[in-house]
C-alpha atoms as a PDB file:
ATOM      1  CA  MET A   1       0.000   0.000   0.000  1.00  0.00           C
ATOM      2  CA  ILE A   2       2.818   2.413   0.882  1.00  0.00           C
ATOM      3  CA  LEU A   3       4.555   1.553  -2.384  1.00  0.00           C
ATOM      4  CA  LEU A   4       1.350   2.323  -4.335  1.00  0.00           C
ATOM      5  CA  VAL A   5       1.007   5.725  -2.652  1.00  0.00           C
ATOM      6  CA  LEU A   6       4.614   6.603  -3.461  1.00  0.00           C
ATOM      7  CA  LEU A   7       4.141   5.612  -7.105  1.00  0.00           C
ATOM      8  CA  LEU A   8       0.978   7.755  -7.392  1.00  0.00           C
ATOM      9  CA  ALA A   9       2.740  10.743  -5.833  1.00  0.00           C
ATOM     10  CA  ALA A  10       5.630  10.424  -8.254  1.00  0.00           C
ATOM     11  CA  THR A  11       3.233  10.161 -11.203  1.00  0.00           C
ATOM     12  CA  CYS A  12       1.335  13.299 -10.122  1.00  0.00           C
ATOM     13  CA  GLY A  13       4.603  15.159  -9.704  1.00  0.00           C
ATOM     14  CA  PHE A  14       5.654  14.391 -13.259  1.00  0.00           C
ATOM     15  CA  ALA A  15       2.186  15.254 -14.573  1.00  0.00           C
ATOM     16  CA  HIS A  16       2.392  18.744 -13.082  1.00  0.00           C
ATOM     17  CA  GLN A  17       5.924  19.470 -14.324  1.00  0.00           C
ATOM     18  CA  LYS A  18       6.018  21.956 -17.197  1.00  0.00           C
ATOM     19  CA  PRO A  19       7.891  20.850 -20.312  1.00  0.00           C
ATOM     20  CA  PRO A  20      11.196  22.661 -20.741  1.00  0.00           C
ATOM     21  CA  SER A  21      10.740  25.936 -22.614  1.00  0.00           C
ATOM     22  CA  THR A  22      12.285  26.223 -26.051  1.00  0.00           C
ATOM     23  CA  ASP A  23      12.359  30.020 -25.861  1.00  0.00           C
ATOM     24  CA  GLY A  24      15.782  30.074 -24.229  1.00  0.00           C
ATOM     25  CA  ALA A  25      17.209  27.680 -26.793  1.00  0.00           C
ATOM     26  CA  ALA A  26      15.696  29.656 -29.643  1.00  0.00           C
ATOM     27  CA  ALA A  27      17.061  32.897 -28.247  1.00  0.00           C
ATOM     28  CA  ALA A  28      20.497  31.358 -27.779  1.00  0.00           C
ATOM     29  CA  GLY A  29      20.485  30.074 -31.351  1.00  0.00           C
ATOM     30  CA  GLY A  30      19.277  33.364 -32.825  1.00  0.00           C
ATOM     31  CA  MET A  31      21.883  35.451 -34.583  1.00  0.00           C
ATOM     32  CA  THR A  32      22.297  39.121 -33.662  1.00  0.00           C
ATOM     33  CA  PHE A  33      24.039  41.782 -35.719  1.00  0.00           C
ATOM     34  CA  SER A  34      25.837  45.068 -35.128  1.00  0.00           C
ATOM     35  CA  TYR A  35      27.141  47.937 -37.215  1.00  0.00           C
ATOM     36  CA  LYS A  36      29.216  50.984 -36.402  1.00  0.00           C
ATOM     37  CA  PHE A  37      30.340  53.869 -38.594  1.00  0.00           C
ATOM     38  CA  GLU A  38      32.937  56.398 -37.438  1.00  0.00           C
ATOM     39  CA  ASN A  39      34.251  59.551 -39.058  1.00  0.00           C
ATOM     40  CA  PRO A  40      34.933  62.617 -36.872  1.00  0.00           C
ATOM     41  CA  ARG A  41      34.966  64.880 -39.943  1.00  0.00           C
ATOM     42  CA  PHE A  42      31.439  63.992 -41.095  1.00  0.00           C
ATOM     43  CA  LEU A  43      28.202  65.602 -39.937  1.00  0.00           C
ATOM     44  CA  LEU A  44      27.111  62.187 -38.699  1.00  0.00           C
ATOM     45  CA  ARG A  45      30.241  61.343 -36.742  1.00  0.00           C
ATOM     46  CA  VAL A  46      29.160  58.059 -35.180  1.00  0.00           C
ATOM     47  CA  ILE A  47      26.342  55.699 -36.154  1.00  0.00           C
ATOM     48  CA  GLU A  48      25.650  52.454 -34.282  1.00  0.00           C
ATOM     49  CA  ILE A  49      23.007  49.815 -34.967  1.00  0.00           C
ATOM     50  CA  ASP A  50      22.227  46.685 -32.949  1.00  0.00           C
ATOM     51  CA  VAL A  51      19.649  44.256 -34.336  1.00  0.00           C
ATOM     52  CA  SER A  52      18.242  41.023 -32.925  1.00  0.00           C
ATOM     53  CA  ALA A  53      17.345  37.892 -34.893  1.00  0.00           C
ATOM     54  CA  ASN A  54      13.747  39.081 -35.395  1.00  0.00           C
ATOM     55  CA  GLY A  55      14.790  42.459 -36.819  1.00  0.00           C
ATOM     56  CA  ALA A  56      14.079  44.543 -33.703  1.00  0.00           C
ATOM     57  CA  GLY A  57      16.860  46.812 -32.545  1.00  0.00           C
ATOM     58  CA  GLU A  58      18.178  50.270 -31.808  1.00  0.00           C
ATOM     59  CA  LEU A  59      20.042  52.969 -33.700  1.00  0.00           C
ATOM     60  CA  ARG A  60      22.257  55.550 -31.978  1.00  0.00           C
ATOM     61  CA  PHE A  61      24.043  58.470 -33.584  1.00  0.00           C
ATOM     62  CA  THR A  62      25.891  61.710 -32.856  1.00  0.00           C
ATOM     63  CA  ARG A  63      25.601  64.675 -35.167  1.00  0.00           C
ATOM     64  CA  GLY A  64      27.596  67.846 -35.678  1.00  0.00           C
ATOM     65  CA  GLU A  65      29.663  69.176 -32.812  1.00  0.00           C
ATOM     66  CA  SER A  66      27.286  67.914 -30.143  1.00  0.00           C
ATOM     67  CA  ASP A  67      28.255  64.922 -27.997  1.00  0.00           C
ATOM     68  CA  GLU A  68      24.601  64.120 -27.355  1.00  0.00           C
ATOM     69  CA  VAL A  69      23.732  60.575 -28.411  1.00  0.00           C
ATOM     70  CA  LEU A  70      20.401  60.463 -30.233  1.00  0.00           C
ATOM     71  CA  ASP A  71      18.613  57.136 -30.453  1.00  0.00           C
ATOM     72  CA  CYS A  72      15.560  55.476 -31.919  1.00  0.00           C
ATOM     73  CA  LYS A  73      14.076  51.995 -32.116  1.00  0.00           C
ATOM     74  CA  VAL A  74      14.193  50.094 -35.404  1.00  0.00           C
ATOM     75  CA  LYS A  75      12.212  47.135 -36.724  1.00  0.00           C
ATOM     76  CA  LEU A  76      13.540  45.723 -39.957  1.00  0.00           C
ATOM     77  CA  LEU A  77      11.324  44.067 -42.534  1.00  0.00           C
ATOM     78  CA  PRO A  78      11.595  40.243 -42.691  1.00  0.00           C
ATOM     79  CA  ALA A  79      13.260  40.401 -46.116  1.00  0.00           C
ATOM     80  CA  THR A  80      15.939  42.770 -44.817  1.00  0.00           C
ATOM     81  CA  ILE A  81      16.917  40.713 -41.762  1.00  0.00           C
ATOM     82  CA  ALA A  82      16.838  37.557 -43.901  1.00  0.00           C
ATOM     83  CA  ARG A  83      19.249  39.115 -46.386  1.00  0.00           C
ATOM     84  CA  ILE A  84      21.618  40.217 -43.612  1.00  0.00           C
ATOM     85  CA  ARG A  85      21.584  36.717 -42.129  1.00  0.00           C
ATOM     86  CA  ASN A  86      22.158  35.173 -45.559  1.00  0.00           C
ATOM     87  CA  LEU A  87      25.207  37.351 -46.241  1.00  0.00           C
ATOM     88  CA  ILE A  88      26.692  36.452 -42.847  1.00  0.00           C
ATOM     89  CA  GLU A  89      26.121  32.751 -43.455  1.00  0.00           C
ATOM     90  CA  VAL A  90      27.323  32.689 -47.074  1.00  0.00           C
ATOM     91  CA  SER A  91      30.544  34.448 -46.083  1.00  0.00           C
ATOM     92  CA  ALA A  92      31.049  32.020 -43.144  1.00  0.00           C
ATOM     93  CA  PHE A  93      31.619  35.206 -41.165  1.00  0.00           C
ATOM     94  CA  LEU A  94      31.551  33.710 -37.682  1.00  0.00           C
ATOM     95  CA  ASP A  95      34.048  30.958 -38.474  1.00  0.00           C
ATOM     96  CA  SER A  96      36.280  32.787 -40.926  1.00  0.00           C
ATOM     97  CA  LYS A  97      39.599  34.449 -40.122  1.00  0.00           C
ATOM     98  CA  THR A  98      39.487  36.564 -43.270  1.00  0.00           C
ATOM     99  CA  GLU A  99      40.681  40.156 -42.986  1.00  0.00           C
ATOM    100  CA  TYR A 100      38.328  42.224 -45.116  1.00  0.00           C
ATOM    101  CA  GLN A 101      40.337  45.464 -45.196  1.00  0.00           C
ATOM    102  CA  ASP A 102      41.739  45.986 -48.682  1.00  0.00           C
ATOM    103  CA  LYS A 103      45.252  47.343 -49.211  1.00  0.00           C
ATOM    104  CA  THR A 104      43.603  50.481 -50.553  1.00  0.00           C
ATOM    105  CA  ASP A 105      43.174  52.942 -47.681  1.00  0.00           C
ATOM    106  CA  MET A 106      39.924  54.932 -47.748  1.00  0.00           C
ATOM    107  CA  SER A 107      39.941  55.947 -44.098  1.00  0.00           C
ATOM    108  CA  HIS A 108      39.073  59.543 -45.019  1.00  0.00           C
ATOM    109  CA  LEU A 109      35.586  58.183 -45.817  1.00  0.00           C
ATOM    110  CA  GLY A 110      35.251  56.611 -42.378  1.00  0.00           C
ATOM    111  CA  TRP A 111      35.579  53.237 -40.676  1.00  0.00           C
ATOM    112  CA  ILE A 112      32.947  50.480 -40.586  1.00  0.00           C
ATOM    113  CA  THR A 113      32.713  47.799 -37.922  1.00  0.00           C
ATOM    114  CA  LEU A 114      30.431  44.829 -38.636  1.00  0.00           C
ATOM    115  CA  GLY A 115      29.599  42.218 -36.023  1.00  0.00           C
ATOM    116  CA  ALA A 116      27.544  39.064 -35.572  1.00  0.00           C
ATOM    117  CA  LYS A 117      26.902  36.808 -32.597  1.00  0.00           C
ATOM    118  CA  GLN A 118      25.286  33.394 -32.293  1.00  0.00           C
ATOM    119  CA  GLY A 119      25.499  31.580 -28.988  1.00  0.00           C
ATOM    120  CA  ALA A 120      29.125  31.448 -27.920  1.00  0.00           C
ATOM    121  CA  ARG A 121      30.366  32.462 -31.350  1.00  0.00           C
ATOM    122  CA  GLU A 122      30.999  36.152 -31.878  1.00  0.00           C
ATOM    123  CA  ARG A 123      33.092  38.148 -34.307  1.00  0.00           C
ATOM    124  CA  LYS A 124      33.639  41.794 -35.276  1.00  0.00           C
ATOM    125  CA  VAL A 125      35.632  43.156 -38.204  1.00  0.00           C
ATOM    126  CA  ARG A 126      36.704  46.712 -38.988  1.00  0.00           C
ATOM    127  CA  PHE A 127      37.551  48.155 -42.382  1.00  0.00           C
ATOM    128  CA  ASN A 128      37.381  51.367 -44.378  1.00  0.00           C
ATOM    129  CA  TYR A 129      37.360  49.721 -47.813  1.00  0.00           C
ATOM    130  CA  THR A 130      36.753  46.154 -48.925  1.00  0.00           C
ATOM    131  CA  ILE A 131      36.344  44.259 -52.174  1.00  0.00           C
ATOM    132  CA  ASN A 132      34.603  41.342 -50.454  1.00  0.00           C
ATOM    133  CA  PRO A 133      31.099  41.343 -52.012  1.00  0.00           C
ATOM    134  CA  GLN A 134      29.249  40.172 -48.888  1.00  0.00           C
ATOM    135  CA  MET A 135      30.899  42.709 -46.567  1.00  0.00           C
ATOM    136  CA  GLU A 136      30.447  45.485 -49.121  1.00  0.00           C
ATOM    137  CA  GLU A 137      26.740  44.728 -49.425  1.00  0.00           C
ATOM    138  CA  LEU A 138      26.304  44.472 -45.662  1.00  0.00           C
ATOM    139  CA  GLY A 139      27.922  47.879 -45.251  1.00  0.00           C
ATOM    140  CA  LYS A 140      25.531  49.376 -47.803  1.00  0.00           C
ATOM    141  CA  ILE A 141      22.488  47.747 -46.209  1.00  0.00           C
ATOM    142  CA  PHE A 142      23.299  48.997 -42.719  1.00  0.00           C
ATOM    143  CA  ARG A 143      24.119  52.464 -44.008  1.00  0.00           C
ATOM    144  CA  GLY A 144      20.780  52.402 -45.843  1.00  0.00           C
ATOM    145  CA  ILE A 145      19.023  51.467 -42.598  1.00  0.00           C
ATOM    146  CA  ALA A 146      20.774  54.335 -40.815  1.00  0.00           C
ATOM    147  CA  THR A 147      19.908  56.850 -43.555  1.00  0.00           C
ATOM    148  CA  GLN A 148      16.291  55.714 -43.513  1.00  0.00           C
ATOM    149  CA  GLU A 149      15.801  55.799 -39.742  1.00  0.00           C
ATOM    150  CA  ILE A 150      17.626  59.091 -39.214  1.00  0.00           C
ATOM    151  CA  SER A 151      15.528  60.651 -41.971  1.00  0.00           C
ATOM    152  CA  LEU A 152      12.335  59.409 -40.294  1.00  0.00           C
ATOM    153  CA  PHE A 153      13.660  60.709 -36.965  1.00  0.00           C
ATOM    154  CA  ASP A 154      14.138  64.181 -38.491  1.00  0.00           C
ATOM    155  CA  ILE A 155      10.756  64.077 -40.225  1.00  0.00           C
ATOM    156  CA  ASP A 156       9.026  63.175 -36.958  1.00  0.00           C
ATOM    157  CA  ASN A 157      10.749  66.051 -35.154  1.00  0.00           C
ATOM    158  CA  ALA A 158       9.747  68.460 -37.920  1.00  0.00           C
ATOM    159  CA  GLN A 159       6.129  67.295 -37.679  1.00  0.00           C
ATOM    160  CA  ARG A 160       6.077  67.827 -33.929  1.00  0.00           C
ATOM    161  CA  TYR A 161       8.108  70.974 -33.463  1.00  0.00           C
ATOM    162  CA  GLN A 162       9.030  72.629 -36.792  1.00  0.00           C
ATOM    163  CA  PRO A 163       6.313  72.110 -39.423  1.00  0.00           C
ATOM    164  CA  LEU A 164       7.911  74.712 -41.691  1.00  0.00           C
ATOM    165  CA  ASP A 165      11.014  72.474 -41.890  1.00  0.00           C
ATOM    166  CA  LEU A 166       8.969  69.471 -43.050  1.00  0.00           C
ATOM    167  CA  PRO A 167       9.119  70.230 -46.833  1.00  0.00           C
ATOM    168  CA  LYS A 168      12.932  70.334 -46.620  1.00  0.00           C
ATOM    169  CA  GLN A 169      13.062  67.003 -44.778  1.00  0.00           C
ATOM    170  CA  LEU A 170      10.822  65.416 -47.399  1.00  0.00           C
ATOM    171  CA  GLU A 171      13.131  66.689 -50.139  1.00  0.00           C
ATOM    172  CA  ILE A 172      16.076  65.038 -48.377  1.00  0.00           C
ATOM    173  CA  LEU A 173      14.136  61.773 -48.085  1.00  0.00           C
ATOM    174  CA  GLU A 174      13.117  61.800 -51.742  1.00  0.00           C
ATOM    175  CA  ASN A 175      16.680  62.490 -52.849  1.00  0.00           C
ATOM    176  CA  ASP A 176      17.951  59.576 -50.746  1.00  0.00           C
ATOM    177  CA  LEU A 177      15.283  57.347 -52.267  1.00  0.00           C
ATOM    178  CA  LYS A 178      16.372  58.326 -55.782  1.00  0.00           C
ATOM    179  CA  LEU A 179      19.991  57.512 -54.914  1.00  0.00           C
ATOM    180  CA  ALA A 180      18.964  54.070 -53.519  1.00  0.00           C
ATOM    181  CA  TRP A 181      20.277  55.078 -50.091  1.00  0.00           C
ATOM    182  CA  ILE A 182      17.105  53.981 -48.280  1.00  0.00           C
ATOM    183  CA  ALA A 183      17.154  50.316 -47.269  1.00  0.00           C
ATOM    184  CA  GLU A 184      13.386  49.812 -47.074  1.00  0.00           C
ATOM    185  CA  PRO A 185      11.291  52.242 -49.150  1.00  0.00           C
ATOM    186  CA  GLU A 186       8.141  50.460 -47.907  1.00  0.00           C
ATOM    187  CA  ARG A 187       9.114  51.324 -44.349  1.00  0.00           C
ATOM    188  CA  VAL A 188       8.536  55.039 -44.920  1.00  0.00           C
ATOM    189  CA  LEU A 189       5.001  54.639 -46.292  1.00  0.00           C
ATOM    190  CA  ASP A 190       3.198  54.825 -42.919  1.00  0.00           C
ATOM    191  CA  PRO A 191       4.891  58.080 -41.810  1.00  0.00           C
ATOM    192  CA  LEU A 192       4.264  59.589 -45.252  1.00  0.00           C
ATOM    193  CA  ASN A 193       0.591  58.580 -45.173  1.00  0.00           C
ATOM    194  CA  GLU A 194       0.299  60.228 -41.774  1.00  0.00           C
ATOM    195  CA  ILE A 195       1.703  63.477 -43.187  1.00  0.00           C
ATOM    196  CA  ALA A 196      -0.485  63.320 -46.288  1.00  0.00           C
ATOM    197  CA  GLY A 197      -3.624  63.033 -44.169  1.00  0.00           C
ATOM    198  CA  ASP A 198      -2.723  65.634 -41.534  1.00  0.00           C
ATOM    199  CA  ASP A 199      -4.449  68.950 -42.219  1.00  0.00           C
ATOM    200  CA  THR A 200      -2.281  70.702 -39.625  1.00  0.00           C
ATOM    201  CA  GLN A 201       0.846  70.208 -41.772  1.00  0.00           C
ATOM    202  CA  PRO A 202       1.801  72.598 -44.595  1.00  0.00           C
ATOM    203  CA  LEU A 203      -0.040  71.891 -47.858  1.00  0.00           C
ATOM    204  CA  ILE A 204       3.233  71.698 -49.791  1.00  0.00           C
ATOM    205  CA  ALA A 205       4.427  68.963 -47.440  1.00  0.00           C
ATOM    206  CA  ARG A 206       1.191  66.996 -47.726  1.00  0.00           C
ATOM    207  CA  ASN A 207       1.293  67.109 -51.521  1.00  0.00           C
ATOM    208  CA  HIS A 208       4.978  66.159 -51.565  1.00  0.00           C
ATOM    209  CA  ALA A 209       4.301  63.193 -49.269  1.00  0.00           C
ATOM    210  CA  LYS A 210       1.557  61.993 -51.645  1.00  0.00           C
ATOM    211  CA  ARG A 211       3.945  62.147 -54.630  1.00  0.00           C
ATOM    212  CA  ILE A 212       6.580  60.118 -52.793  1.00  0.00           C
ATOM    213  CA  ILE A 213       3.957  57.559 -51.746  1.00  0.00           C
ATOM    214  CA  GLU A 214       2.839  57.070 -55.339  1.00  0.00           C
ATOM    215  CA  ALA A 215       6.437  56.690 -56.532  1.00  0.00           C
ATOM    216  CA  ILE A 216       7.168  54.056 -53.878  1.00  0.00           C
ATOM    217  CA  LYS A 217       4.016  52.106 -54.713  1.00  0.00           C
ATOM    218  CA  LYS A 218       5.016  52.118 -58.396  1.00  0.00           C
ATOM    219  CA  GLY A 219       8.413  50.678 -57.476  1.00  0.00           C
ATOM    220  CA  LYS A 220      10.404  53.627 -58.757  1.00  0.00           C
ATOM    221  CA  PHE A 221      13.044  53.485 -56.021  1.00  0.00           C
ATOM    222  CA  LYS A 222      15.693  50.786 -55.704  1.00  0.00           C
ATOM    223  CA  SER A 223      17.213  49.533 -52.462  1.00  0.00           C
ATOM    224  CA  PRO A 224      20.663  48.289 -51.377  1.00  0.00           C
ATOM    225  CA  VAL A 225      18.894  45.159 -50.082  1.00  0.00           C
ATOM    226  CA  LYS A 226      19.109  42.624 -52.896  1.00  0.00           C
ATOM    227  CA  LYS A 227      16.269  40.182 -53.354  1.00  0.00           C
END
């Protein structure tokens, strides 16, 4: 009888145990990415981006002579984070010992630091010029993300505090779109739609936002993120 009671107690104990969570394992296996740009002679002196495996992250930057660090949250589109991951994997970045800095010195244009981490594996590389196609594309993608998010940051500030500066910020955005310097043209649609439908914003800005929206929907702007 005592043995039966002990067996029942053990069975109930196992029945109430929760199965081990896979969240920790998934998080440990997820790859994270980082980017840093440095050039003390540029208006944007330092740009840093940290992105998790699901595309959520943060951008930080310093501008002009100020030491204030400005920051904003980012959420990359699935296609963008997938392309970044693909480039890291194809280049065997985490396991490679390759030095990506070319013998050509372009340090006057700034230094780039790219990083990736997965579990216990982590690597960062720094270069000012490379001929490696994967690293070159990654640099362009992250710079496109930075250009896009900083532009949206400035547009949001103009909307809130300096509406008369909004037409100028939209001109900057459109020019960057034409030069394929924006990583995710689709990403800017929601902010532009908000401007287009806001009667408190200058009419010239609303009309300009509508023109940019139409151009994006027609696929007129290319992106550094290859399909």
